Amino acid sequence: MMDRKMLNQLQQMQKKLMQAQEDLGKTLVEGSAGGGVIEVKMNGHREILSITIAPEAVDPNEIEMLQDLLMLAINDASKKAEELSNAKMGPLTGGLNIPGLF
């Protein structure tokens, strides 16, 4: 049976986890490729908020390069969002990967 002190600790941990999740949703990370000709902004939940492509990156004869740069920029932003999530949530969960939380 769970005692009152343990229940309070669990409730406080749950509150901190929920706050950290909310903070992640408000935190912006940016990824880029090609020296900044493509920029991707996403939040800590890895939701893409915007993609900016500089005009010089658009060449109808180089569509594959544009696709590669876009993929690199998205992966860069996603990696930064993952690192942010690990930094904020890791200390609260003790490194446990709780399904549905990340």
PDB file of N, CA and C in Angstrom:
ATOM      1  N   MET A   1       0.848  -1.182   0.000  1.00  0.00           N
ATOM      2  CA  MET A   1       0.000   0.000   0.000  1.00  0.00           C
ATOM      3  C   MET A   1       0.890   1.241   0.000  1.00  0.00           C
ATOM      4  N   MET A   2       0.493   2.212  -0.753  1.00  0.00           N
ATOM      5  CA  MET A   2       1.259   3.433  -0.898  1.00  0.00           C
ATOM      6  C   MET A   2       0.933   4.400   0.238  1.00  0.00           C
ATOM      7  N   ASP A   3       1.957   4.899   0.910  1.00  0.00           N
ATOM      8  CA  ASP A   3       1.677   5.848   1.987  1.00  0.00           C
ATOM      9  C   ASP A   3       1.505   7.262   1.437  1.00  0.00           C
ATOM     10  N   ARG A   4       1.053   8.150   2.270  1.00  0.00           N
ATOM     11  CA  ARG A   4       0.745   9.522   1.861  1.00  0.00           C
ATOM     12  C   ARG A   4       1.965  10.262   1.309  1.00  0.00           C
ATOM     13  N   LYS A   5       3.120  10.074   1.961  1.00  0.00           N
ATOM     14  CA  LYS A   5       4.345  10.753   1.520  1.00  0.00           C
ATOM     15  C   LYS A   5       4.722  10.318   0.104  1.00  0.00           C
ATOM     16  N   MET A   6       4.651   9.019  -0.150  1.00  0.00           N
ATOM     17  CA  MET A   6       4.989   8.509  -1.477  1.00  0.00           C
ATOM     18  C   MET A   6       3.996   9.018  -2.519  1.00  0.00           C
ATOM     19  N   LEU A   7       2.726   9.055  -2.163  1.00  0.00           N
ATOM     20  CA  LEU A   7       1.692   9.552  -3.070  1.00  0.00           C
ATOM     21  C   LEU A   7       1.950  11.020  -3.409  1.00  0.00           C
ATOM     22  N   ASN A   8       2.319  11.819  -2.401  1.00  0.00           N
ATOM     23  CA  ASN A   8       2.630  13.235  -2.644  1.00  0.00           C
ATOM     24  C   ASN A   8       3.837  13.386  -3.568  1.00  0.00           C
ATOM     25  N   GLN A   9       4.852  12.542  -3.372  1.00  0.00           N
ATOM     26  CA  GLN A   9       6.031  12.597  -4.224  1.00  0.00           C
ATOM     27  C   GLN A   9       5.674  12.258  -5.672  1.00  0.00           C
ATOM     28  N   LEU A  10       4.834  11.249  -5.843  1.00  0.00           N
ATOM     29  CA  LEU A  10       4.419  10.877  -7.199  1.00  0.00           C
ATOM     30  C   LEU A  10       3.609  11.999  -7.860  1.00  0.00           C
ATOM     31  N   GLN A  11       2.756  12.635  -7.094  1.00  0.00           N
ATOM     32  CA  GLN A  11       1.959  13.744  -7.630  1.00  0.00           C
ATOM     33  C   GLN A  11       2.851  14.917  -8.025  1.00  0.00           C
ATOM     34  N   GLN A  12       3.871  15.194  -7.204  1.00  0.00           N
ATOM     35  CA  GLN A  12       4.799  16.282  -7.531  1.00  0.00           C
ATOM     36  C   GLN A  12       5.602  15.949  -8.789  1.00  0.00           C
ATOM     37  N   MET A  13       6.029  14.696  -8.911  1.00  0.00           N
ATOM     38  CA  MET A  13       6.775  14.280 -10.093  1.00  0.00           C
ATOM     39  C   MET A  13       5.889  14.387 -11.334  1.00  0.00           C
ATOM     40  N   GLN A  14       4.648  13.969 -11.218  1.00  0.00           N
ATOM     41  CA  GLN A  14       3.717  14.060 -12.343  1.00  0.00           C
ATOM     42  C   GLN A  14       3.526  15.521 -12.750  1.00  0.00           C
ATOM     43  N   LYS A  15       3.412  16.403 -11.786  1.00  0.00           N
ATOM     44  CA  LYS A  15       3.243  17.833 -12.072  1.00  0.00           C
ATOM     45  C   LYS A  15       4.474  18.381 -12.789  1.00  0.00           C
ATOM     46  N   LYS A  16       5.666  17.988 -12.340  1.00  0.00           N
ATOM     47  CA  LYS A  16       6.903  18.446 -12.990  1.00  0.00           C
ATOM     48  C   LYS A  16       7.005  17.919 -14.414  1.00  0.00           C
ATOM     49  N   LEU A  17       6.605  16.661 -14.617  1.00  0.00           N
ATOM     50  CA  LEU A  17       6.638  16.084 -15.965  1.00  0.00           C
ATOM     51  C   LEU A  17       5.684  16.818 -16.901  1.00  0.00           C
ATOM     52  N   MET A  18       4.505  17.123 -16.402  1.00  0.00           N
ATOM     53  CA  MET A  18       3.525  17.841 -17.227  1.00  0.00           C
ATOM     54  C   MET A  18       4.031  19.239 -17.566  1.00  0.00           C
ATOM     55  N   GLN A  19       4.677  19.905 -16.593  1.00  0.00           N
ATOM     56  CA  GLN A  19       5.220  21.238 -16.841  1.00  0.00           C
ATOM     57  C   GLN A  19       6.349  21.171 -17.857  1.00  0.00           C
ATOM     58  N   ALA A  20       7.199  20.155 -17.731  1.00  0.00           N
ATOM     59  CA  ALA A  20       8.311  19.995 -18.679  1.00  0.00           C
ATOM     60  C   ALA A  20       7.770  19.742 -20.089  1.00  0.00           C
ATOM     61  N   GLN A  21       6.723  18.933 -20.209  1.00  0.00           N
ATOM     62  CA  GLN A  21       6.103  18.678 -21.511  1.00  0.00           C
ATOM     63  C   GLN A  21       5.542  19.972 -22.102  1.00  0.00           C
ATOM     64  N   GLU A  22       4.898  20.757 -21.264  1.00  0.00           N
ATOM     65  CA  GLU A  22       4.345  22.035 -21.727  1.00  0.00           C
ATOM     66  C   GLU A  22       5.465  22.969 -22.178  1.00  0.00           C
ATOM     67  N   ASP A  23       6.548  23.000 -21.417  1.00  0.00           N
ATOM     68  CA  ASP A  23       7.693  23.841 -21.778  1.00  0.00           C
ATOM     69  C   ASP A  23       8.298  23.408 -23.115  1.00  0.00           C
ATOM     70  N   LEU A  24       8.375  22.094 -23.336  1.00  0.00           N
ATOM     71  CA  LEU A  24       8.920  21.590 -24.608  1.00  0.00           C
ATOM     72  C   LEU A  24       8.074  22.076 -25.785  1.00  0.00           C
ATOM     73  N   GLY A  25       6.778  22.091 -25.609  1.00  0.00           N
ATOM     74  CA  GLY A  25       5.887  22.541 -26.682  1.00  0.00           C
ATOM     75  C   GLY A  25       6.055  24.011 -27.019  1.00  0.00           C
ATOM     76  N   LYS A  26       6.569  24.782 -26.057  1.00  0.00           N
ATOM     77  CA  LYS A  26       6.756  26.218 -26.260  1.00  0.00           C
ATOM     78  C   LYS A  26       8.179  26.582 -26.704  1.00  0.00           C
ATOM     79  N   THR A  27       9.084  25.604 -26.620  1.00  0.00           N
ATOM     80  CA  THR A  27      10.484  25.872 -26.942  1.00  0.00           C
ATOM     81  C   THR A  27      10.757  25.635 -28.422  1.00  0.00           C
ATOM     82  N   LEU A  28      11.442  26.583 -29.031  1.00  0.00           N
ATOM     83  CA  LEU A  28      11.737  26.548 -30.463  1.00  0.00           C
ATOM     84  C   LEU A  28      13.170  26.083 -30.690  1.00  0.00           C
ATOM     85  N   VAL A  29      13.346  25.173 -31.643  1.00  0.00           N
ATOM     86  CA  VAL A  29      14.689  24.781 -32.093  1.00  0.00           C
ATOM     87  C   VAL A  29      14.742  25.022 -33.596  1.00  0.00           C
ATOM     88  N   GLU A  30      15.949  25.261 -34.086  1.00  0.00           N
ATOM     89  CA  GLU A  30      16.118  25.521 -35.506  1.00  0.00           C
ATOM     90  C   GLU A  30      17.168  24.587 -36.083  1.00  0.00           C
ATOM     91  N   GLY A  31      16.871  24.074 -37.254  1.00  0.00           N
ATOM     92  CA  GLY A  31      17.833  23.277 -37.999  1.00  0.00           C
ATOM     93  C   GLY A  31      18.089  23.961 -39.323  1.00  0.00           C
ATOM     94  N   SER A  32      19.276  23.741 -39.885  1.00  0.00           N
ATOM     95  CA  SER A  32      19.572  24.372 -41.166  1.00  0.00           C
ATOM     96  C   SER A  32      20.479  23.475 -41.991  1.00  0.00           C
ATOM     97  N   ALA A  33      20.557  23.800 -43.272  1.00  0.00           N
ATOM     98  CA  ALA A  33      21.431  23.065 -44.192  1.00  0.00           C
ATOM     99  C   ALA A  33      21.863  24.005 -45.293  1.00  0.00           C
ATOM    100  N   GLY A  34      22.946  23.625 -45.964  1.00  0.00           N
ATOM    101  CA  GLY A  34      23.444  24.417 -47.082  1.00  0.00           C
ATOM    102  C   GLY A  34      23.903  25.796 -46.666  1.00  0.00           C
ATOM    103  N   GLY A  35      24.483  25.889 -45.487  1.00  0.00           N
ATOM    104  CA  GLY A  35      24.954  27.185 -45.021  1.00  0.00           C
ATOM    105  C   GLY A  35      23.819  28.138 -44.674  1.00  0.00           C
ATOM    106  N   GLY A  36      22.653  27.591 -44.370  1.00  0.00           N
ATOM    107  CA  GLY A  36      21.520  28.419 -43.950  1.00  0.00           C
ATOM    108  C   GLY A  36      20.540  28.745 -45.061  1.00  0.00           C
ATOM    109  N   VAL A  37      20.723  28.181 -46.258  1.00  0.00           N
ATOM    110  CA  VAL A  37      19.765  28.472 -47.333  1.00  0.00           C
ATOM    111  C   VAL A  37      18.417  27.793 -47.073  1.00  0.00           C
ATOM    112  N   ILE A  38      18.429  26.768 -46.221  1.00  0.00           N
ATOM    113  CA  ILE A  38      17.180  26.138 -45.791  1.00  0.00           C
ATOM    114  C   ILE A  38      17.187  26.103 -44.272  1.00  0.00           C
ATOM    115  N   GLU A  39      16.102  26.596 -43.687  1.00  0.00           N
ATOM    116  CA  GLU A  39      15.968  26.608 -42.233  1.00  0.00           C
ATOM    117  C   GLU A  39      14.627  25.987 -41.860  1.00  0.00           C
ATOM    118  N   VAL A  40      14.678  25.145 -40.829  1.00  0.00           N
ATOM    119  CA  VAL A  40      13.469  24.492 -40.320  1.00  0.00           C
ATOM    120  C   VAL A  40      13.340  24.843 -38.847  1.00  0.00           C
ATOM    121  N   LYS A  41      12.148  25.295 -38.464  1.00  0.00           N
ATOM    122  CA  LYS A  41      11.875  25.582 -37.058  1.00  0.00           C
ATOM    123  C   LYS A  41      10.860  24.571 -36.571  1.00  0.00           C
ATOM    124  N   MET A  42      11.150  24.003 -35.392  1.00  0.00           N
ATOM    125  CA  MET A  42      10.190  23.079 -34.783  1.00  0.00           C
ATOM    126  C   MET A  42      10.199  23.280 -33.285  1.00  0.00           C
ATOM    127  N   ASN A  43       9.138  22.781 -32.649  1.00  0.00           N
ATOM    128  CA  ASN A  43       9.094  22.891 -31.197  1.00  0.00           C
ATOM    129  C   ASN A  43       9.682  21.633 -30.564  1.00  0.00           C
ATOM    130  N   GLY A  44       9.725  21.615 -29.256  1.00  0.00           N
ATOM    131  CA  GLY A  44      10.307  20.494 -28.537  1.00  0.00           C
ATOM    132  C   GLY A  44       9.544  19.197 -28.677  1.00  0.00           C
ATOM    133  N   HIS A  45       8.340  19.260 -29.232  1.00  0.00           N
ATOM    134  CA  HIS A  45       7.563  18.051 -29.527  1.00  0.00           C
ATOM    135  C   HIS A  45       7.817  17.562 -30.952  1.00  0.00           C
ATOM    136  N   ARG A  46       8.794  18.183 -31.611  1.00  0.00           N
ATOM    137  CA  ARG A  46       9.191  17.844 -32.986  1.00  0.00           C
ATOM    138  C   ARG A  46       8.091  18.128 -34.006  1.00  0.00           C
ATOM    139  N   GLU A  47       7.305  19.130 -33.734  1.00  0.00           N
ATOM    140  CA  GLU A  47       6.299  19.577 -34.702  1.00  0.00           C
ATOM    141  C   GLU A  47       6.923  20.705 -35.523  1.00  0.00           C
ATOM    142  N   ILE A  48       6.944  20.555 -36.848  1.00  0.00           N
ATOM    143  CA  ILE A  48       7.517  21.575 -37.709  1.00  0.00           C
ATOM    144  C   ILE A  48       6.607  22.797 -37.696  1.00  0.00           C
ATOM    145  N   LEU A  49       7.204  23.952 -37.401  1.00  0.00           N
ATOM    146  CA  LEU A  49       6.448  25.201 -37.325  1.00  0.00           C
ATOM    147  C   LEU A  49       6.619  26.030 -38.592  1.00  0.00           C
ATOM    148  N   SER A  50       7.821  25.952 -39.179  1.00  0.00           N
ATOM    149  CA  SER A  50       8.036  26.675 -40.433  1.00  0.00           C
ATOM    150  C   SER A  50       9.250  26.119 -41.169  1.00  0.00           C
ATOM    151  N   ILE A  51       9.233  26.334 -42.486  1.00  0.00           N
ATOM    152  CA  ILE A  51      10.364  25.989 -43.347  1.00  0.00           C
ATOM    153  C   ILE A  51      10.631  27.204 -44.229  1.00  0.00           C
ATOM    154  N   THR A  52      11.888  27.647 -44.240  1.00  0.00           N
ATOM    155  CA  THR A  52      12.276  28.784 -45.060  1.00  0.00           C
ATOM    156  C   THR A  52      13.329  28.324 -46.071  1.00  0.00           C
ATOM    157  N   ILE A  53      13.061  28.621 -47.341  1.00  0.00           N
ATOM    158  CA  ILE A  53      13.996  28.257 -48.403  1.00  0.00           C
ATOM    159  C   ILE A  53      14.429  29.538 -49.104  1.00  0.00           C
ATOM    160  N   ALA A  54      15.728  29.802 -49.096  1.00  0.00           N
ATOM    161  CA  ALA A  54      16.261  30.991 -49.776  1.00  0.00           C
ATOM    162  C   ALA A  54      16.124  30.808 -51.290  1.00  0.00           C
ATOM    163  N   PRO A  55      15.832  31.880 -52.012  1.00  0.00           N
ATOM    164  CA  PRO A  55      15.644  31.779 -53.465  1.00  0.00           C
ATOM    165  C   PRO A  55      16.824  31.126 -54.189  1.00  0.00           C
ATOM    166  N   GLU A  56      18.045  31.378 -53.704  1.00  0.00           N
ATOM    167  CA  GLU A  56      19.205  30.807 -54.391  1.00  0.00           C
ATOM    168  C   GLU A  56      19.287  29.278 -54.251  1.00  0.00           C
ATOM    169  N   ALA A  57      18.491  28.710 -53.347  1.00  0.00           N
ATOM    170  CA  ALA A  57      18.493  27.252 -53.186  1.00  0.00           C
ATOM    171  C   ALA A  57      17.567  26.568 -54.188  1.00  0.00           C
ATOM    172  N   VAL A  58      16.757  27.376 -54.888  1.00  0.00           N
ATOM    173  CA  VAL A  58      15.772  26.805 -55.805  1.00  0.00           C
ATOM    174  C   VAL A  58      16.295  26.876 -57.242  1.00  0.00           C
ATOM    175  N   ASP A  59      16.579  25.730 -57.770  1.00  0.00           N
ATOM    176  CA  ASP A  59      17.022  25.614 -59.164  1.00  0.00           C
ATOM    177  C   ASP A  59      16.271  24.420 -59.752  1.00  0.00           C
ATOM    178  N   PRO A  60      15.421  24.643 -60.745  1.00  0.00           N
ATOM    179  CA  PRO A  60      14.629  23.539 -61.301  1.00  0.00           C
ATOM    180  C   PRO A  60      15.484  22.369 -61.790  1.00  0.00           C
ATOM    181  N   ASN A  61      16.739  22.642 -62.099  1.00  0.00           N
ATOM    182  CA  ASN A  61      17.621  21.570 -62.563  1.00  0.00           C
ATOM    183  C   ASN A  61      18.310  20.830 -61.413  1.00  0.00           C
ATOM    184  N   GLU A  62      18.114  21.325 -60.181  1.00  0.00           N
ATOM    185  CA  GLU A  62      18.772  20.736 -59.006  1.00  0.00           C
ATOM    186  C   GLU A  62      17.765  20.364 -57.920  1.00  0.00           C
ATOM    187  N   ILE A  63      16.646  19.815 -58.322  1.00  0.00           N
ATOM    188  CA  ILE A  63      15.596  19.469 -57.360  1.00  0.00           C
ATOM    189  C   ILE A  63      16.095  18.451 -56.334  1.00  0.00           C
ATOM    190  N   GLU A  64      16.898  17.500 -56.766  1.00  0.00           N
ATOM    191  CA  GLU A  64      17.402  16.489 -55.822  1.00  0.00           C
ATOM    192  C   GLU A  64      18.257  17.119 -54.728  1.00  0.00           C
ATOM    193  N   MET A  65      19.057  18.121 -55.086  1.00  0.00           N
ATOM    194  CA  MET A  65      19.869  18.793 -54.067  1.00  0.00           C
ATOM    195  C   MET A  65      18.962  19.535 -53.080  1.00  0.00           C
ATOM    196  N   LEU A  66      17.931  20.179 -53.580  1.00  0.00           N
ATOM    197  CA  LEU A  66      16.986  20.871 -52.703  1.00  0.00           C
ATOM    198  C   LEU A  66      16.327  19.874 -51.753  1.00  0.00           C
ATOM    199  N   GLN A  67      15.929  18.731 -52.260  1.00  0.00           N
ATOM    200  CA  GLN A  67      15.319  17.702 -51.417  1.00  0.00           C
ATOM    201  C   GLN A  67      16.300  17.222 -50.351  1.00  0.00           C
ATOM    202  N   ASP A  68      17.554  17.020 -50.742  1.00  0.00           N
ATOM    203  CA  ASP A  68      18.572  16.578 -49.779  1.00  0.00           C
ATOM    204  C   ASP A  68      18.799  17.633 -48.699  1.00  0.00           C
ATOM    205  N   LEU A  69      18.879  18.894 -49.101  1.00  0.00           N
ATOM    206  CA  LEU A  69      19.089  19.972 -48.124  1.00  0.00           C
ATOM    207  C   LEU A  69      17.906  20.078 -47.164  1.00  0.00           C
ATOM    208  N   LEU A  70      16.707  19.928 -47.696  1.00  0.00           N
ATOM    209  CA  LEU A  70      15.509  19.982 -46.852  1.00  0.00           C
ATOM    210  C   LEU A  70      15.522  18.840 -45.840  1.00  0.00           C
ATOM    211  N   MET A  71      15.873  17.659 -46.293  1.00  0.00           N
ATOM    212  CA  MET A  71      15.945  16.511 -45.392  1.00  0.00           C
ATOM    213  C   MET A  71      17.002  16.744 -44.309  1.00  0.00           C
ATOM    214  N   LEU A  72      18.158  17.277 -44.689  1.00  0.00           N
ATOM    215  CA  LEU A  72      19.213  17.549 -43.708  1.00  0.00           C
ATOM    216  C   LEU A  72      18.762  18.585 -42.676  1.00  0.00           C
ATOM    217  N   ALA A  73      18.080  19.622 -43.127  1.00  0.00           N
ATOM    218  CA  ALA A  73      17.617  20.667 -42.205  1.00  0.00           C
ATOM    219  C   ALA A  73      16.576  20.112 -41.230  1.00  0.00           C
ATOM    220  N   ILE A  74      15.663  19.286 -41.730  1.00  0.00           N
ATOM    221  CA  ILE A  74      14.645  18.677 -40.857  1.00  0.00           C
ATOM    222  C   ILE A  74      15.320  17.749 -39.848  1.00  0.00           C
ATOM    223  N   ASN A  75      16.255  16.942 -40.304  1.00  0.00           N
ATOM    224  CA  ASN A  75      16.960  16.043 -39.380  1.00  0.00           C
ATOM    225  C   ASN A  75      17.760  16.816 -38.345  1.00  0.00           C
ATOM    226  N   ASP A  76      18.365  17.921 -38.745  1.00  0.00           N
ATOM    227  CA  ASP A  76      19.120  18.763 -37.812  1.00  0.00           C
ATOM    228  C   ASP A  76      18.194  19.314 -36.720  1.00  0.00           C
ATOM    229  N   ALA A  77      17.051  19.840 -37.124  1.00  0.00           N
ATOM    230  CA  ALA A  77      16.097  20.379 -36.146  1.00  0.00           C
ATOM    231  C   ALA A  77      15.551  19.269 -35.253  1.00  0.00           C
ATOM    232  N   SER A  78      15.264  18.110 -35.832  1.00  0.00           N
ATOM    233  CA  SER A  78      14.730  16.986 -35.056  1.00  0.00           C
ATOM    234  C   SER A  78      15.738  16.514 -34.008  1.00  0.00           C
ATOM    235  N   LYS A  79      17.008  16.470 -34.396  1.00  0.00           N
ATOM    236  CA  LYS A  79      18.053  16.062 -33.455  1.00  0.00           C
ATOM    237  C   LYS A  79      18.140  17.044 -32.295  1.00  0.00           C
ATOM    238  N   LYS A  80      18.061  18.337 -32.600  1.00  0.00           N
ATOM    239  CA  LYS A  80      18.117  19.354 -31.549  1.00  0.00           C
ATOM    240  C   LYS A  80      16.899  19.253 -30.628  1.00  0.00           C
ATOM    241  N   ALA A  81      15.727  18.966 -31.198  1.00  0.00           N
ATOM    242  CA  ALA A  81      14.520  18.811 -30.379  1.00  0.00           C
ATOM    243  C   ALA A  81      14.641  17.588 -29.476  1.00  0.00           C
ATOM    244  N   GLU A  82      15.225  16.518 -29.997  1.00  0.00           N
ATOM    245  CA  GLU A  82      15.417  15.310 -29.190  1.00  0.00           C
ATOM    246  C   GLU A  82      16.388  15.585 -28.042  1.00  0.00           C
ATOM    247  N   GLU A  83      17.476  16.293 -28.337  1.00  0.00           N
ATOM    248  CA  GLU A  83      18.449  16.631 -27.290  1.00  0.00           C
ATOM    249  C   GLU A  83      17.801  17.514 -26.225  1.00  0.00           C
ATOM    250  N   LEU A  84      16.967  18.444 -26.666  1.00  0.00           N
ATOM    251  CA  LEU A  84      16.261  19.313 -25.724  1.00  0.00           C
ATOM    252  C   LEU A  84      15.340  18.483 -24.832  1.00  0.00           C
ATOM    253  N   SER A  85      14.596  17.570 -25.442  1.00  0.00           N
ATOM    254  CA  SER A  85      13.680  16.714 -24.688  1.00  0.00           C
ATOM    255  C   SER A  85      14.440  15.859 -23.678  1.00  0.00           C
ATOM    256  N   ASN A  86      15.553  15.285 -24.101  1.00  0.00           N
ATOM    257  CA  ASN A  86      16.350  14.463 -23.183  1.00  0.00           C
ATOM    258  C   ASN A  86      16.888  15.292 -22.023  1.00  0.00           C
ATOM    259  N   ALA A  87      17.298  16.524 -22.319  1.00  0.00           N
ATOM    260  CA  ALA A  87      17.837  17.395 -21.267  1.00  0.00           C
ATOM    261  C   ALA A  87      16.766  17.784 -20.257  1.00  0.00           C
ATOM    262  N   LYS A  88      15.546  18.019 -20.732  1.00  0.00           N
ATOM    263  CA  LYS A  88      14.477  18.460 -19.823  1.00  0.00           C
ATOM    264  C   LYS A  88      13.805  17.291 -19.102  1.00  0.00           C
ATOM    265  N   MET A  89      13.601  16.184 -19.818  1.00  0.00           N
ATOM    266  CA  MET A  89      12.839  15.087 -19.241  1.00  0.00           C
ATOM    267  C   MET A  89      13.722  14.055 -18.538  1.00  0.00           C
ATOM    268  N   GLY A  90      14.961  13.899 -18.993  1.00  0.00           N
ATOM    269  CA  GLY A  90      15.839  12.885 -18.427  1.00  0.00           C
ATOM    270  C   GLY A  90      16.003  12.972 -16.918  1.00  0.00           C
ATOM    271  N   PRO A  91      16.288  14.161 -16.388  1.00  0.00           N
ATOM    272  CA  PRO A  91      16.458  14.247 -14.937  1.00  0.00           C
ATOM    273  C   PRO A  91      15.180  13.909 -14.157  1.00  0.00           C
ATOM    274  N   LEU A  92      14.022  14.130 -14.767  1.00  0.00           N
ATOM    275  CA  LEU A  92      12.759  13.861 -14.074  1.00  0.00           C
ATOM    276  C   LEU A  92      12.400  12.377 -14.097  1.00  0.00           C
ATOM    277  N   THR A  93      12.801  11.691 -15.153  1.00  0.00           N
ATOM    278  CA  THR A  93      12.416  10.279 -15.277  1.00  0.00           C
ATOM    279  C   THR A  93      13.553   9.333 -14.912  1.00  0.00           C
ATOM    280  N   GLY A  94      14.708   9.879 -14.610  1.00  0.00           N
ATOM    281  CA  GLY A  94      15.842   9.037 -14.263  1.00  0.00           C
ATOM    282  C   GLY A  94      16.321   8.199 -15.431  1.00  0.00           C
ATOM    283  N   GLY A  95      16.099   8.699 -16.637  1.00  0.00           N
ATOM    284  CA  GLY A  95      16.541   7.993 -17.830  1.00  0.00           C
ATOM    285  C   GLY A  95      15.556   6.950 -18.325  1.00  0.00           C
ATOM    286  N   LEU A  96      14.426   6.781 -17.647  1.00  0.00           N
ATOM    287  CA  LEU A  96      13.418   5.823 -18.100  1.00  0.00           C
ATOM    288  C   LEU A  96      12.706   6.373 -19.321  1.00  0.00           C
ATOM    289  N   ASN A  97      12.468   5.540 -20.288  1.00  0.00           N
ATOM    290  CA  ASN A  97      11.703   5.931 -21.469  1.00  0.00           C
ATOM    291  C   ASN A  97      10.262   5.524 -21.232  1.00  0.00           C
ATOM    292  N   ILE A  98       9.443   6.481 -20.839  1.00  0.00           N
ATOM    293  CA  ILE A  98       8.053   6.196 -20.511  1.00  0.00           C
ATOM    294  C   ILE A  98       7.217   6.368 -21.774  1.00  0.00           C
ATOM    295  N   PRO A  99       6.581   5.294 -22.259  1.00  0.00           N
ATOM    296  CA  PRO A  99       5.803   5.369 -23.501  1.00  0.00           C
ATOM    297  C   PRO A  99       4.740   6.469 -23.438  1.00  0.00           C
ATOM    298  N   GLY A 100       4.650   7.188 -24.550  1.00  0.00           N
ATOM    299  CA  GLY A 100       3.648   8.240 -24.644  1.00  0.00           C
ATOM    300  C   GLY A 100       4.054   9.546 -24.004  1.00  0.00           C
ATOM    301  N   LEU A 101       5.203   9.549 -23.355  1.00  0.00           N
ATOM    302  CA  LEU A 101       5.643  10.761 -22.668  1.00  0.00           C
ATOM    303  C   LEU A 101       6.578  11.579 -23.530  1.00  0.00           C
ATOM    304  N   PHE A 102       7.301  10.955 -24.454  1.00  0.00           N
ATOM    305  CA  PHE A 102       8.275  11.671 -25.271  1.00  0.00           C
ATOM    306  C   PHE A 102       7.832  11.733 -26.691  1.00  0.00           C
TER     307      PHE A 102
END
